[in-house]
Protein backbone atom coordinates (compact mmCIF):
# COMPACT_ATOMS: atom_id res chain seq x y z
CA MET A 1 0.17 -0.01 0.05
CA THR A 2 1.79 3.74 -1.35
CA GLU A 3 2.07 6.46 0.60
CA PRO A 4 -0.55 9.34 -0.28
CA GLU A 5 0.59 12.35 -1.30
CA ILE A 6 0.66 15.62 1.63
CA ASP A 7 0.17 18.72 1.04
CA TYR A 8 2.27 20.12 4.01
CA ARG A 9 1.07 23.81 3.02
CA ALA A 10 -2.25 22.50 3.43
CA ALA A 11 -1.81 21.57 6.50
CA PHE A 12 -0.12 24.09 7.84
CA ARG A 13 -2.70 26.00 6.99
CA ALA A 14 -5.02 24.55 7.93
CA ALA A 15 -3.85 23.31 11.83
CA PRO A 16 -5.56 24.72 14.47
CA THR A 17 -3.47 26.02 16.22
CA PRO A 18 -2.57 29.83 15.44
CA LEU A 19 0.73 29.74 13.53
CA ALA A 20 2.72 31.59 11.74
CA LEU A 21 6.25 31.22 9.22
CA LEU A 22 8.74 33.95 8.99
CA THR A 23 11.65 34.55 7.23
CA THR A 24 15.09 35.71 8.90
CA GLU A 25 14.16 39.45 8.63
CA LEU A 26 10.55 38.64 10.47
CA ARG A 27 8.86 38.89 7.51
CA PHE A 28 6.11 36.39 7.33
CA VAL A 29 5.79 33.58 4.78
CA ASP A 30 2.90 31.58 5.36
CA VAL A 31 0.14 31.71 8.50
CA THR A 32 -2.26 29.15 9.55
CA ASP A 33 -6.00 29.87 8.53
CA ALA A 34 -6.35 30.38 12.36
CA TYR A 35 -3.36 32.56 13.53
CA LEU A 36 -5.37 34.96 10.69
CA GLU A 37 -9.02 34.50 12.67
CA VAL A 38 -7.73 35.48 15.51
CA ALA A 39 -5.38 38.36 13.99
CA GLY A 40 -8.93 39.97 11.95
CA ARG A 41 -6.49 39.86 8.90
CA PRO A 42 -7.05 38.65 5.32
CA ARG A 43 -3.68 36.53 4.02
CA GLU A 44 -3.07 39.51 2.14
CA GLN A 45 -2.25 41.60 4.57
CA VAL A 46 0.08 39.43 5.93
CA ILE A 47 2.05 37.26 3.53
CA GLY A 48 5.36 39.39 2.04
CA ARG A 49 4.88 41.62 4.89
CA LEU A 50 6.77 42.80 7.87
CA ALA A 51 6.06 41.47 11.69
CA TYR A 52 6.50 44.74 13.17
CA GLU A 53 5.11 46.11 9.53
CA ALA A 54 1.62 44.14 10.11
CA PHE A 55 0.85 44.93 13.28
CA PRO A 56 2.49 48.05 14.41
CA ASP A 57 1.81 49.10 18.05
CA GLN A 58 -0.87 51.74 18.45
CA PRO A 59 0.76 55.51 17.59
CA ASP A 60 1.11 57.43 21.12
CA SER A 61 0.15 54.81 23.37
CA GLU A 62 1.70 54.82 26.51
CA ARG A 63 1.82 51.40 26.49
CA PRO A 64 5.06 49.52 26.69
CA SER A 65 5.63 48.30 23.24
CA GLY A 66 4.31 44.94 22.51
CA VAL A 67 5.96 44.92 18.86
CA ARG A 68 9.44 45.86 20.32
CA ARG A 69 8.97 42.79 22.25
CA LEU A 70 7.45 40.47 19.60
CA ARG A 71 11.01 41.23 18.37
CA GLN A 72 13.38 41.06 20.63
CA SER A 73 12.15 37.31 21.62
CA MET A 74 12.38 36.35 17.99
CA GLU A 75 15.53 38.07 17.70
CA ARG A 76 16.68 35.94 20.50
CA VAL A 77 15.30 33.02 18.84
CA LEU A 78 18.40 33.99 15.53
CA ALA A 79 21.10 33.87 18.39
CA THR A 80 20.31 31.15 19.93
CA ARG A 81 18.38 29.14 18.05
CA ARG A 82 16.91 27.86 21.22
CA ARG A 83 12.60 28.64 21.60
CA ASP A 84 11.56 31.65 23.66
CA VAL A 85 8.19 31.69 25.63
CA MET A 86 6.98 35.59 26.32
CA ALA A 87 5.26 36.36 29.25
CA VAL A 88 1.97 37.12 29.10
CA GLN A 89 1.60 40.76 26.80
CA ARG A 90 -1.37 43.54 26.28
CA TYR A 91 -1.14 44.01 22.60
CA ASP A 92 -3.46 47.08 21.59
CA VAL A 93 -4.03 45.42 18.23
CA GLU A 94 -6.24 47.42 15.35
CA PRO A 95 -8.81 44.87 14.18
CA GLU A 96 -8.70 46.23 10.57
CA GLU A 97 -5.90 47.79 8.68
CA GLY A 98 -6.03 51.32 8.56
CA ALA A 99 -8.93 51.69 10.22
CA GLY A 100 -7.93 53.94 13.74
CA ARG A 101 -9.83 51.12 15.85
CA TRP A 102 -7.68 49.50 18.78
CA GLU A 103 -9.00 46.34 20.69
CA GLU A 104 -7.09 45.71 24.06
CA ARG A 105 -6.70 42.24 23.49
CA TYR A 106 -4.08 39.78 25.44
CA PHE A 107 -1.62 37.06 23.90
CA SER A 108 0.71 34.63 25.52
CA ILE A 109 3.44 34.14 23.19
CA VAL A 110 5.45 31.19 21.77
CA ASN A 111 8.28 31.56 19.65
CA ALA A 112 10.63 29.21 18.16
CA PRO A 113 13.49 27.94 15.44
CA VAL A 114 12.60 26.24 12.13
CA LEU A 115 16.55 24.55 11.69
CA GLY A 116 18.11 23.46 8.56
CA PRO A 117 20.90 20.62 7.54
CA ASP A 118 23.47 23.38 8.58
CA GLY A 119 21.45 23.79 12.16
CA GLU A 120 21.60 27.16 11.19
CA VAL A 121 18.19 29.15 11.66
CA ARG A 122 16.30 29.29 8.52
CA LEU A 123 12.33 30.51 9.51
CA LEU A 124 10.47 31.64 13.00
CA LEU A 125 7.64 29.40 14.35
CA ASN A 126 5.47 32.08 16.06
CA ARG A 127 2.52 30.40 17.68
CA LEU A 128 -0.25 32.94 19.41
CA GLU A 129 -2.30 32.17 21.93
CA GLU A 130 -5.14 34.41 22.62
CA VAL A 131 -5.44 34.69 26.86
CA THR A 132 -7.83 37.87 26.40
CA ARG A 133 -10.80 36.42 27.84
CA LEU A 134 -9.05 34.80 30.72
CA VAL A 135 -7.63 37.85 31.45
CA ARG A 136 -10.76 39.94 31.71
CA THR A 137 -12.60 37.38 33.64
CA LYS A 138 -9.71 36.84 36.53
CA GLY A 139 -10.03 41.48 36.65
CA GLY A 140 -14.01 40.34 37.41
CA GLY A 141 -15.66 41.62 33.88
CA ALA A 142 -13.62 43.87 32.27
CA GLY A 143 -15.38 45.65 29.71
CA GLY A 144 -14.43 45.71 25.41
CA GLY A 145 -11.35 47.84 23.28
CA ARG A 146 -10.11 51.09 24.01
CA ASP A 147 -12.41 53.89 24.58
CA GLY A 148 -15.43 51.37 24.00
CA ALA A 149 -14.18 50.36 19.91
CA ARG A 150 -16.38 47.99 18.44
CA GLY A 151 -14.43 44.30 17.86
CA ARG A 152 -13.99 42.56 14.91
CA ASP A 153 -17.73 41.94 14.47
CA GLY A 154 -18.66 45.37 15.05
CA LYS A 155 -20.44 44.91 19.20
CA ARG A 156 -19.39 46.68 21.60
CA GLY A 157 -16.39 45.37 23.79
CA GLY A 158 -13.96 43.70 21.09
CA GLY A 159 -14.81 40.59 21.79
CA ARG A 160 -17.28 37.71 19.20
CA GLY A 161 -20.37 37.97 20.88
CA ARG A 162 -18.98 39.87 24.02
CA GLU A 163 -21.00 42.15 26.20
CA ASP A 164 -20.08 46.08 26.51
CA ARG A 165 -19.48 45.87 29.89
CA ARG A 166 -16.62 48.04 32.08
CA PRO A 167 -14.83 46.97 34.26
CA THR A 168 -15.25 47.22 38.53
CA ALA A 169 -13.00 48.61 40.89
CA GLY A 170 -11.11 45.77 41.67
CA GLY A 171 -11.70 44.03 38.93
CA ALA A 172 -9.30 46.56 36.85
CA ARG A 173 -7.37 46.38 40.27
CA LEU A 174 -6.66 43.55 39.30
CA GLU A 175 -6.17 42.98 35.60
CA SER A 176 -3.47 45.68 36.36
CA ASP A 177 -1.70 43.98 38.68
CA LEU A 178 -1.95 40.64 36.19
CA LEU A 179 -0.17 43.76 33.67
CA ALA A 180 2.46 44.80 36.29
CA ARG A 181 3.02 41.40 36.60
CA ALA A 182 4.09 40.25 33.33
CA ASP A 183 5.53 43.62 32.89
CA GLU A 184 7.96 42.77 35.47
CA LEU A 185 8.03 39.03 35.06
CA GLN A 186 9.08 39.83 31.32
CA HIS A 187 11.79 42.22 32.45
CA THR A 188 13.54 40.60 34.90
CA ASN A 189 14.03 37.43 31.38
CA GLU A 190 15.21 40.00 29.35
CA ARG A 191 17.93 41.54 32.85
CA LEU A 192 18.67 37.33 33.39
CA ARG A 193 19.35 37.05 29.40
CA GLU A 194 21.69 39.81 29.27
CA ALA A 195 23.73 39.18 32.35
CA HIS A 196 24.01 34.81 31.04
CA SER A 197 24.73 36.46 27.64
CA ARG A 198 27.81 38.77 29.20
CA GLU A 199 28.75 35.50 31.20
CA ARG A 200 28.38 33.18 27.85
CA HIS A 201 31.63 36.19 26.27
CA VAL A 202 32.81 36.59 29.82
CA ALA A 203 33.60 32.72 29.34
CA MET A 204 34.49 32.45 25.89
CA GLU A 205 36.81 35.26 25.94
CA LEU A 206 39.00 32.58 28.68
CA GLN A 207 38.36 29.91 27.08
CA GLN A 208 40.13 30.50 23.88
CA ALA A 209 42.72 32.70 25.70
CA MET A 210 43.58 29.10 27.58
CA LEU A 211 43.35 27.19 23.68
CA PRO A 212 46.65 27.93 22.41
CA THR A 213 47.55 26.74 18.67
CA PRO A 214 49.81 23.49 18.79
CA ASP A 215 53.33 24.36 19.75
CA LEU A 216 54.94 22.26 17.08
CA LEU A 217 58.27 22.37 15.82
CA ALA A 218 57.92 20.32 12.87
CA PRO A 219 55.18 20.76 9.78
CA ARG A 220 53.21 17.97 11.47
CA ASP A 221 49.92 16.84 9.79
CA ALA A 222 47.15 17.56 12.41
CA ALA A 223 44.29 20.06 13.20
CA VAL A 224 42.83 21.28 16.64
CA ARG A 225 38.70 21.96 17.07
CA TYR A 226 36.80 23.22 19.53
CA GLN A 227 33.59 23.55 19.77
CA PRO A 228 30.90 25.24 22.08
CA ALA A 229 27.80 23.80 23.93
CA SER A 230 24.64 24.51 22.60
CA ALA A 231 23.20 25.48 25.86
CA THR A 232 23.60 28.84 27.64
CA MET A 233 26.68 28.81 29.68
CA ASN A 234 27.57 25.60 28.74
CA VAL A 235 31.25 25.79 28.26
CA CYS A 236 34.62 26.37 29.13
CA GLY A 237 35.62 22.48 31.29
CA ASP A 238 37.47 21.37 27.91
CA TRP A 239 40.98 21.22 27.02
CA TYR A 240 43.27 20.19 24.74
CA ASP A 241 47.22 20.85 24.34
CA LEU A 242 49.16 19.85 21.42
CA ILE A 243 52.89 20.69 21.66
CA ASP A 244 56.65 19.16 19.99
CA VAL A 245 58.91 18.20 22.90
CA ASP A 246 61.96 18.31 20.59
CA ALA A 247 61.72 17.57 17.50
CA LEU A 248 61.11 13.42 18.15
CA HIS A 249 59.31 13.60 20.65
CA SER A 250 55.53 14.99 20.76
CA SER A 251 52.37 14.93 23.68
CA VAL A 252 48.84 14.85 22.91
CA VAL A 253 46.52 15.89 25.92
CA VAL A 254 42.45 16.76 26.38
CA GLY A 255 40.96 17.14 29.17
CA ASP A 256 37.23 17.67 30.56
CA VAL A 257 36.59 19.22 33.92
CA VAL A 258 33.20 18.34 34.96
CA GLY A 259 31.46 21.02 35.62
CA HIS A 260 30.71 24.59 33.12
CA GLY A 261 30.22 27.99 33.34
CA LEU A 262 33.54 30.88 34.71
CA GLU A 263 34.26 28.14 37.64
CA ALA A 264 35.28 24.60 35.70
CA ALA A 265 37.79 27.70 32.93
CA GLY A 266 39.08 28.24 35.77
CA VAL A 267 39.91 24.82 36.87
CA MET A 268 40.33 23.88 33.53
CA GLY A 269 42.87 26.02 33.60
CA GLN A 270 45.03 25.12 36.44
CA LEU A 271 45.08 21.99 35.10
CA ARG A 272 45.92 22.92 31.81
CA SER A 273 49.39 24.32 32.73
CA ALA A 274 50.41 22.27 34.93
CA LEU A 275 49.65 18.71 32.58
CA SER A 276 51.52 20.71 30.28
CA ALA A 277 54.21 21.72 32.23
CA LEU A 278 54.87 17.40 33.07
CA ALA A 279 54.23 16.78 28.82
CA ARG A 280 57.85 19.88 28.01
CA ALA A 281 59.70 18.18 30.96
CA ALA A 282 59.40 14.51 29.06
CA THR A 283 57.21 13.30 32.26
CA PRO A 284 56.14 9.80 31.11
CA PRO A 285 51.87 9.65 30.86
CA ALA A 286 51.42 7.70 33.78
CA GLU A 287 53.69 9.36 36.23
CA ALA A 288 52.35 12.73 34.59
CA LEU A 289 49.30 12.02 35.51
CA ASN A 290 49.85 10.91 38.98
CA ILE A 291 51.51 14.02 40.13
CA LEU A 292 48.78 15.97 38.31
CA ASP A 293 46.09 14.34 40.57
CA LEU A 294 48.13 14.84 43.50
CA TYR A 295 47.79 18.84 42.22
CA SER A 296 44.10 18.67 41.39
CA ARG A 297 43.25 17.77 45.43
CA SER A 298 44.30 21.10 46.17
CA VAL A 299 42.78 22.74 43.99
CA PRO A 300 38.43 23.33 44.45
CA GLY A 301 36.34 22.00 42.26
CA ALA A 302 39.21 19.87 39.97
CA GLU A 303 37.58 17.06 41.92
CA SER A 304 36.56 14.38 38.65
CA THR A 305 38.21 15.81 35.83
CA THR A 306 39.00 12.75 33.21
CA ALA A 307 42.25 13.52 31.26
CA VAL A 308 44.54 11.19 28.69
CA LYS A 309 47.99 12.21 27.68
CA ILE A 310 50.02 10.75 24.63
CA HIS A 311 53.56 10.28 24.33
CA VAL A 312 54.90 9.50 20.58
CA ASP A 313 57.86 8.25 19.68
CA TRP A 314 58.08 9.27 16.08
CA SER A 315 62.07 7.53 16.45
CA ALA A 316 60.03 4.63 17.57
CA SER A 317 57.04 4.28 15.87
CA ARG A 318 55.40 4.22 19.55
CA LEU A 319 52.77 5.47 21.11
CA VAL A 320 52.26 6.51 24.74
CA TYR A 321 49.52 6.99 26.57
CA SER A 322 48.25 7.34 30.18
CA SER A 323 43.65 7.82 30.81
CA ALA A 324 42.85 9.24 34.08
CA GLY A 325 39.38 7.76 32.99
CA HIS A 326 38.83 9.93 30.29
CA LEU A 327 37.04 8.27 26.75
CA PRO A 328 40.12 6.00 24.90
CA PRO A 329 41.54 7.41 21.84
CA LEU A 330 40.88 6.37 18.42
CA LEU A 331 44.18 4.75 15.63
CA ALA A 332 43.33 5.22 12.24
CA ARG A 333 44.99 2.25 10.87
CA LEU A 334 46.63 2.41 6.97
CA ASP A 335 44.08 -0.85 6.01
CA GLY A 336 41.14 0.74 7.79
CA THR A 337 40.68 -1.14 10.75
CA VAL A 338 40.37 1.30 13.31
CA GLU A 339 41.76 0.67 17.40
CA LEU A 340 40.46 1.53 20.20
CA LEU A 341 43.18 2.67 23.48
CA ASP A 342 41.07 1.64 26.01
CA ARG A 343 44.52 -1.07 27.87
CA ALA A 344 45.48 1.74 30.06
CA THR A 345 42.12 3.66 31.83
CA ASN A 346 42.78 4.69 35.24
CA PRO A 347 40.12 6.24 37.44
CA PRO A 348 39.49 9.99 36.81
CA LEU A 349 41.61 12.72 38.56
CA GLY A 350 41.18 12.63 42.84
CA LEU A 351 40.47 9.14 42.43
CA LEU A 352 43.70 7.34 41.87
CA PRO A 353 45.89 5.43 43.51
CA GLU A 354 47.46 7.28 46.09
CA GLY A 355 51.58 6.78 45.60
CA GLY A 356 51.56 5.42 42.51
CA GLY A 357 50.00 2.83 40.13
CA THR A 358 48.67 4.50 37.21
CA ILE A 359 48.82 2.70 34.72
CA GLU A 360 50.23 3.61 30.72
CA ASP A 361 50.00 1.40 28.10
CA SER A 362 52.09 1.43 24.55
CA VAL A 363 50.92 0.64 20.51
CA ALA A 364 53.14 0.79 17.49
CA PHE A 365 52.18 3.02 14.68
CA GLU A 366 53.04 3.73 10.37
CA PRO A 367 53.78 5.67 8.64
CA GLY A 368 50.05 7.62 7.62
CA ASP A 369 48.52 5.87 10.73
CA VAL A 370 46.24 8.55 11.98
CA LEU A 371 45.00 9.68 16.49
CA VAL A 372 41.99 10.76 17.62
CA VAL A 373 41.51 12.50 20.66
CA TYR A 374 38.21 14.57 21.75
CA THR A 375 36.10 15.04 24.74
CA ASP A 376 32.83 13.32 25.53
CA GLY A 377 30.68 15.78 23.64
CA LEU A 378 31.04 14.63 20.24
CA VAL A 379 29.98 10.68 21.19
CA GLU A 380 27.67 11.43 24.04
CA ARG A 381 23.89 11.15 23.86
CA ARG A 382 20.91 11.82 26.18
CA ASP A 383 18.97 8.50 24.75
CA GLU A 384 21.63 6.26 23.54
CA ASP A 385 24.77 4.23 25.04
CA ILE A 386 28.25 5.58 25.04
CA ASP A 387 29.34 2.18 22.41
CA ARG A 388 26.97 3.41 20.29
CA GLY A 389 28.62 7.21 19.89
CA LEU A 390 31.86 5.21 19.89
CA ALA A 391 31.21 3.03 17.27
CA ARG A 392 30.09 5.73 14.75
CA LEU A 393 32.81 8.30 15.47
CA ALA A 394 35.60 4.74 14.53
CA ASP A 395 32.89 4.90 11.04
CA SER A 396 33.41 7.74 10.30
CA LEU A 397 37.23 7.82 11.52
CA ALA A 398 37.62 4.81 9.05
CA SER A 399 35.34 6.27 6.37
CA HIS A 400 37.33 10.00 5.85
CA ARG A 401 40.95 8.11 7.19
CA THR A 402 43.52 9.07 4.56
CA ALA A 403 42.47 13.01 4.77
CA PRO A 404 44.51 15.75 5.64
CA ALA A 405 44.28 16.60 9.44
CA GLU A 406 41.98 19.72 8.30
CA GLU A 407 39.21 17.95 6.25
CA LEU A 408 39.10 14.95 8.69
CA ALA A 409 38.64 16.92 11.94
CA GLU A 410 35.57 19.30 9.36
CA ALA A 411 34.45 15.49 8.19
CA LEU A 412 34.33 14.27 12.42
CA LEU A 413 32.50 16.73 14.07
CA ALA A 414 30.21 17.08 10.78
CA ASP A 415 29.34 12.82 11.28
CA LEU A 416 29.09 13.18 14.46
CA LEU A 417 27.52 16.32 15.96
CA PRO A 418 23.66 16.87 15.63
CA PRO A 419 22.75 20.47 13.44
CA GLU A 420 21.10 22.18 17.11
CA GLY A 421 24.02 21.75 19.15
CA THR A 422 24.78 19.21 22.12
CA GLU A 423 25.08 19.60 26.12
CA ASP A 424 28.52 19.96 25.85
CA ASP A 425 31.98 21.59 24.59
CA THR A 426 33.81 19.66 22.46
CA VAL A 427 37.11 18.57 21.97
CA LEU A 428 38.90 16.82 18.81
CA VAL A 429 42.63 16.21 18.41
CA VAL A 430 43.46 15.07 15.10
CA LEU A 431 47.39 14.10 13.96
CA ARG A 432 48.82 12.61 11.62
CA LEU A 433 51.28 9.80 12.33
CA ASP A 434 54.12 9.98 8.85
CA ARG A 435 57.15 9.85 10.24
CA ASP A 436 58.51 11.83 7.15
CA ASP A 437 56.62 15.27 8.67
CA THR A 438 59.99 14.83 11.42
CA GLY A 439 62.05 16.08 8.02
């Protein structure tokens, strides 16, 4: 039995919910019939027009600008790619464009992004729910539109079949209190968003300052990536370090601090600096993690941090590695097989055996093999087992293993990260193990 063809535009317009689709310039491209009914406008007066042109504020109104707040909400959605729920808003609506008559109406509004295949916002979905009747009921039967204006049906009161009732003193006070509380909530939300935006900016600047470019003596084929989480403050827990100790030895380090925000950024900076110093002193991986573990016990917030350190011996074509609770690095072979480097996994920092006991292991590599080290944001998803993410990464690495490091890094991110982003940071280090790079 074949599935019937679906006219999605017709289905959208027939939806019983007031919905509108707008471009990123905030221009209407389609609306449901229910939206037009609530707005009291024919389709031709809406489609193709900017939101603030189709539904402007009442001229010379002393009320806070509902149109301005709607525009700010939509701009937040464009900037964050996340849904924005507005507090109950009062709008003075002109049911018939140009008639000069305005109705006092109340709406609950949600704006949501419609993402394209690349994860960028392509359209905005605007959902209206009129709560005028509810507000007036709670307000003790407040009357109709401003100055007794007639509604869409020609009756006074601005509502379909509604009687012209003057508000009682108690009802007017309750209505005024409700609007004041909604207005206060809206301002509070805006201040919180601004504060979060400032803190995120500071955290991102700090993150970038503490994640240096690779310090390589030889022209190695390498790439590093840091992808912040999509949530407002989910940044600054992950770090990497890629350096040449000398012409024949390199060090690769990736770590992940528990937590997010500025506090995690501070912890990350201390641990990264300490482990980078140990790497430059050519400290073997297991011993370096032992020393870092002792140091971490004096750093508040460092407990349960994961880290992996890999020592690359170019002359012996060998990797020596040790992990403190971190996800296993991957080694892609020329023949297409992908090996998990998981034979030297120890507990996270703060839980390593005191006085030593950290294990390390080694593995040989061939020219053209590729080493990939990463953090959990690349492979972990809330609704699936971690093994599925690791298998997905291994498959992607096997498919793209012959690409240069920069192209390979981009391909892995494209294959592994969902368009809407992730709830955790992602760090990725790619190093092609070509001995000829040493010259």
